[in-house]
Protein backbone atom coordinates (compact mmCIF):
# COMPACT_ATOMS: atom_id res chain seq x y z
CA UNK A 1 0.00 0.00 0.00
CA UNK A 2 1.40 3.40 -0.83
CA UNK A 3 1.90 6.05 1.83
CA UNK A 4 -0.98 8.17 0.55
CA UNK A 5 -3.48 5.34 0.96
CA UNK A 6 -2.12 4.64 4.44
CA UNK A 7 -2.64 8.30 5.35
CA UNK A 8 -6.21 8.25 3.96
CA UNK A 9 -6.92 5.05 5.87
CA UNK A 10 -5.72 6.50 9.17
CA UNK A 11 -7.70 9.69 8.57
CA UNK A 12 -10.81 7.67 7.68
CA UNK A 13 -10.42 5.65 10.88
CA UNK A 14 -10.56 8.95 12.77
CA UNK A 15 -13.82 9.83 11.00
CA UNK A 16 -12.56 11.92 8.07
CA UNK A 17 -15.17 11.29 5.39
CA UNK A 18 -13.17 13.07 2.68
CA UNK A 19 -10.26 10.68 3.25
CA UNK A 20 -12.63 7.72 3.03
CA UNK A 21 -14.02 9.21 -0.21
CA UNK A 22 -10.49 9.19 -1.64
CA UNK A 23 -10.17 5.51 -0.74
CA UNK A 24 -13.47 4.83 -2.48
CA UNK A 25 -12.25 6.68 -5.57
CA UNK A 26 -9.04 4.65 -5.57
CA UNK A 27 -10.87 1.30 -5.38
CA UNK A 28 -14.21 1.87 -7.06
CA UNK A 29 -13.12 0.56 -10.46
CA UNK A 30 -11.49 -2.69 -9.22
CA UNK A 31 -14.42 -3.38 -6.87
CA UNK A 32 -17.00 -2.73 -9.59
CA UNK A 33 -15.09 -4.87 -12.11
CA UNK A 34 -14.86 -7.76 -9.66
CA UNK A 35 -18.56 -7.51 -8.81
CA UNK A 36 -19.53 -7.24 -12.48
CA UNK A 37 -17.49 -10.30 -13.42
CA UNK A 38 -18.94 -12.29 -10.54
CA UNK A 39 -22.55 -11.16 -10.80
CA UNK A 40 -22.78 -10.53 -14.56
CA UNK A 41 -25.14 -7.59 -14.20
CA UNK A 42 -24.25 -3.88 -14.16
CA UNK A 43 -27.01 -2.84 -11.75
CA UNK A 44 -26.18 -5.64 -9.30
CA UNK A 45 -22.48 -4.80 -9.59
CA UNK A 46 -23.20 -1.17 -8.67
CA UNK A 47 -25.23 -2.30 -5.67
CA UNK A 48 -22.48 -4.71 -4.66
CA UNK A 49 -19.82 -2.01 -4.97
CA UNK A 50 -21.86 0.34 -2.78
CA UNK A 51 -22.41 -2.38 -0.21
CA UNK A 52 -18.69 -3.21 -0.28
CA UNK A 53 -17.78 0.36 0.61
CA UNK A 54 -20.42 0.53 3.34
CA UNK A 55 -18.98 -2.65 4.84
CA UNK A 56 -15.45 -1.36 4.38
CA UNK A 57 -16.34 1.83 6.27
CA UNK A 58 -17.92 -0.06 9.15
CA UNK A 59 -14.95 -2.44 9.35
CA UNK A 60 -12.09 0.06 9.02
CA UNK A 61 -11.03 -0.75 12.57
CA UNK A 62 -10.51 -4.43 11.62
CA UNK A 63 -8.02 -3.75 8.82
CA UNK A 64 -4.61 -5.22 9.61
CA UNK A 65 -1.67 -3.29 8.19
CA UNK A 66 0.26 -6.48 7.36
CA UNK A 67 -2.27 -7.14 4.53
CA UNK A 68 -2.45 -5.28 1.27
CA UNK A 69 -5.34 -2.84 1.36
CA UNK A 70 -6.39 -3.91 -2.13
CA UNK A 71 -6.63 -7.55 -1.00
CA UNK A 72 -8.72 -6.56 2.00
CA UNK A 73 -11.12 -4.46 -0.10
CA UNK A 74 -11.46 -7.14 -2.80
CA UNK A 75 -12.02 -9.71 -0.06
CA UNK A 76 -15.01 -7.75 1.22
CA UNK A 77 -16.36 -7.43 -2.33
CA UNK A 78 -15.87 -11.08 -3.25
CA UNK A 79 -17.47 -12.36 -0.05
CA UNK A 80 -20.47 -10.11 -0.60
CA UNK A 81 -20.81 -11.32 -4.22
CA UNK A 82 -20.49 -14.96 -3.19
CA UNK A 83 -23.23 -14.48 -0.61
CA UNK A 84 -25.42 -12.84 -3.22
CA UNK A 85 -24.81 -15.68 -5.68
CA UNK A 86 -25.61 -18.28 -3.04
CA UNK A 87 -28.92 -16.59 -2.35
CA UNK A 88 -29.62 -16.57 -6.05
CA UNK A 89 -28.90 -20.31 -6.32
CA UNK A 90 -28.82 -21.74 -9.83
CA UNK A 91 -30.30 -18.75 -11.56
CA UNK A 92 -27.94 -18.58 -14.57
CA UNK A 93 -26.79 -15.18 -15.72
CA UNK A 94 -26.19 -13.83 -19.18
CA UNK A 95 -23.87 -11.06 -20.21
CA UNK A 96 -25.84 -8.80 -22.53
CA UNK A 97 -23.27 -6.08 -22.86
CA UNK A 98 -19.92 -4.96 -21.59
CA UNK A 99 -20.41 -1.34 -20.45
CA UNK A 100 -16.71 -0.61 -20.22
CA UNK A 101 -16.04 -1.95 -23.73
CA UNK A 102 -18.74 0.28 -25.18
CA UNK A 103 -16.84 3.45 -24.27
CA UNK A 104 -13.33 2.28 -25.10
CA UNK A 105 -11.76 3.29 -28.40
CA UNK A 106 -11.86 0.59 -31.04
CA UNK A 107 -8.09 0.35 -31.45
CA UNK A 108 -8.43 0.20 -35.22
CA UNK A 109 -10.26 -3.13 -35.36
CA UNK A 110 -12.82 -3.68 -38.04
CA UNK A 111 -16.46 -4.47 -37.30
CA UNK A 112 -15.99 -8.18 -37.95
CA UNK A 113 -13.05 -8.45 -35.58
CA UNK A 114 -14.87 -6.48 -32.88
CA UNK A 115 -17.93 -8.72 -33.28
CA UNK A 116 -15.76 -11.85 -33.01
CA UNK A 117 -14.04 -10.50 -29.89
CA UNK A 118 -17.43 -9.65 -28.36
CA UNK A 119 -18.73 -13.15 -29.14
CA UNK A 120 -15.65 -14.74 -27.61
CA UNK A 121 -15.91 -12.55 -24.51
CA UNK A 122 -19.62 -13.40 -24.19
CA UNK A 123 -18.89 -17.12 -24.54
CA UNK A 124 -16.18 -16.95 -21.87
CA UNK A 125 -18.49 -14.99 -19.55
CA UNK A 126 -21.29 -17.50 -20.16
CA UNK A 127 -19.00 -20.38 -19.25
CA UNK A 128 -17.70 -18.56 -16.16
CA UNK A 129 -21.29 -17.80 -15.08
CA UNK A 130 -21.97 -21.55 -14.89
CA UNK A 131 -19.29 -22.07 -12.24
CA UNK A 132 -20.21 -22.28 -8.58
CA UNK A 133 -19.24 -19.09 -6.68
CA UNK A 134 -16.43 -20.90 -4.85
CA UNK A 135 -14.79 -21.63 -8.20
CA UNK A 136 -15.81 -18.44 -9.99
CA UNK A 137 -14.23 -16.05 -7.48
CA UNK A 138 -10.66 -17.42 -7.61
CA UNK A 139 -10.84 -17.65 -11.41
CA UNK A 140 -11.89 -14.00 -11.71
CA UNK A 141 -9.32 -12.85 -9.17
CA UNK A 142 -6.58 -14.74 -11.03
CA UNK A 143 -7.36 -13.98 -14.67
CA UNK A 144 -9.15 -10.64 -14.53
CA UNK A 145 -7.39 -9.04 -11.55
CA UNK A 146 -4.00 -10.76 -11.95
CA UNK A 147 -3.73 -11.67 -8.27
CA UNK A 148 -1.17 -14.24 -7.18
CA UNK A 149 -2.21 -17.49 -5.53
CA UNK A 150 -1.16 -16.07 -2.16
CA UNK A 151 -3.21 -12.92 -2.68
CA UNK A 152 -6.27 -14.95 -3.72
CA UNK A 153 -5.81 -17.15 -0.64
CA UNK A 154 -5.72 -14.04 1.52
CA UNK A 155 -8.79 -12.51 -0.15
CA UNK A 156 -10.83 -15.70 0.12
CA UNK A 157 -9.54 -16.92 3.47
CA UNK A 158 -8.18 -20.15 1.97
CA UNK A 159 -4.82 -21.88 1.84
CA UNK A 160 -2.70 -21.46 -1.29
CA UNK A 161 -3.17 -25.17 -2.01
CA UNK A 162 -6.97 -24.77 -1.81
CA UNK A 163 -6.77 -21.87 -4.27
CA UNK A 164 -4.70 -23.95 -6.69
CA UNK A 165 -7.16 -26.81 -6.34
CA UNK A 166 -10.18 -24.58 -6.96
CA UNK A 167 -8.53 -22.98 -9.99
CA UNK A 168 -7.70 -26.41 -11.38
CA UNK A 169 -11.26 -27.62 -10.86
CA UNK A 170 -12.67 -24.41 -12.33
CA UNK A 171 -10.54 -24.85 -15.46
CA UNK A 172 -11.70 -28.49 -15.75
CA UNK A 173 -15.33 -27.41 -15.40
CA UNK A 174 -14.80 -24.71 -18.04
CA UNK A 175 -13.27 -27.26 -20.38
CA UNK A 176 -16.20 -29.65 -19.84
CA UNK A 177 -18.72 -26.85 -20.38
CA UNK A 178 -16.84 -25.75 -23.50
CA UNK A 179 -16.99 -29.27 -24.94
CA UNK A 180 -20.69 -29.58 -24.09
CA UNK A 181 -21.49 -26.23 -25.70
CA UNK A 182 -19.30 -26.88 -28.74
CA UNK A 183 -17.35 -23.68 -28.15
CA UNK A 184 -13.77 -23.40 -29.34
CA UNK A 185 -12.42 -21.19 -26.58
CA UNK A 186 -9.05 -21.41 -24.89
CA UNK A 187 -8.87 -20.00 -21.35
CA UNK A 188 -5.70 -17.99 -20.98
CA UNK A 189 -4.86 -14.90 -19.04
CA UNK A 190 -4.92 -12.81 -22.23
CA UNK A 191 -8.03 -14.49 -23.64
CA UNK A 192 -10.01 -14.05 -20.46
CA UNK A 193 -9.94 -10.28 -20.55
């Protein structure tokens, strides 16, 4: 954690709402992205992000400085999303649009290439949506947020071996789902984005 975030954190612990607002600004994008990837719905992701920051504010006193602040914040978000998914049970999600992709510049790609990329992204999201929350969360944290096994273990409250096991099982489930759906996707760090 950089010194500025540490200062904001200490000020927020003393009740400085402006300092807490700066922490929210620093983490709103990663929290929203995690929630969106886990929940698959922009409105639910916004609600989850808001709830994450409410919980973060009420639990500021529990933060331990030996942890990365980003891991702690993402841990709060992922646990909230997992709880929400458990309540939802097997109500499969679909990804209708990618709001961030709609405002990004095209990068010179033609319409066909953009459509193919969108289809691939939608297929990957559809396959990820089929995973149980306990497998979905580590997969998203690894491939979309580039967290290490140790960081994922810290966020999820698991051992590193359990994280590796869940990632392995998630990849196997994705491969099985891919075969069943006839998709021709390859799950890689670059392809998952």
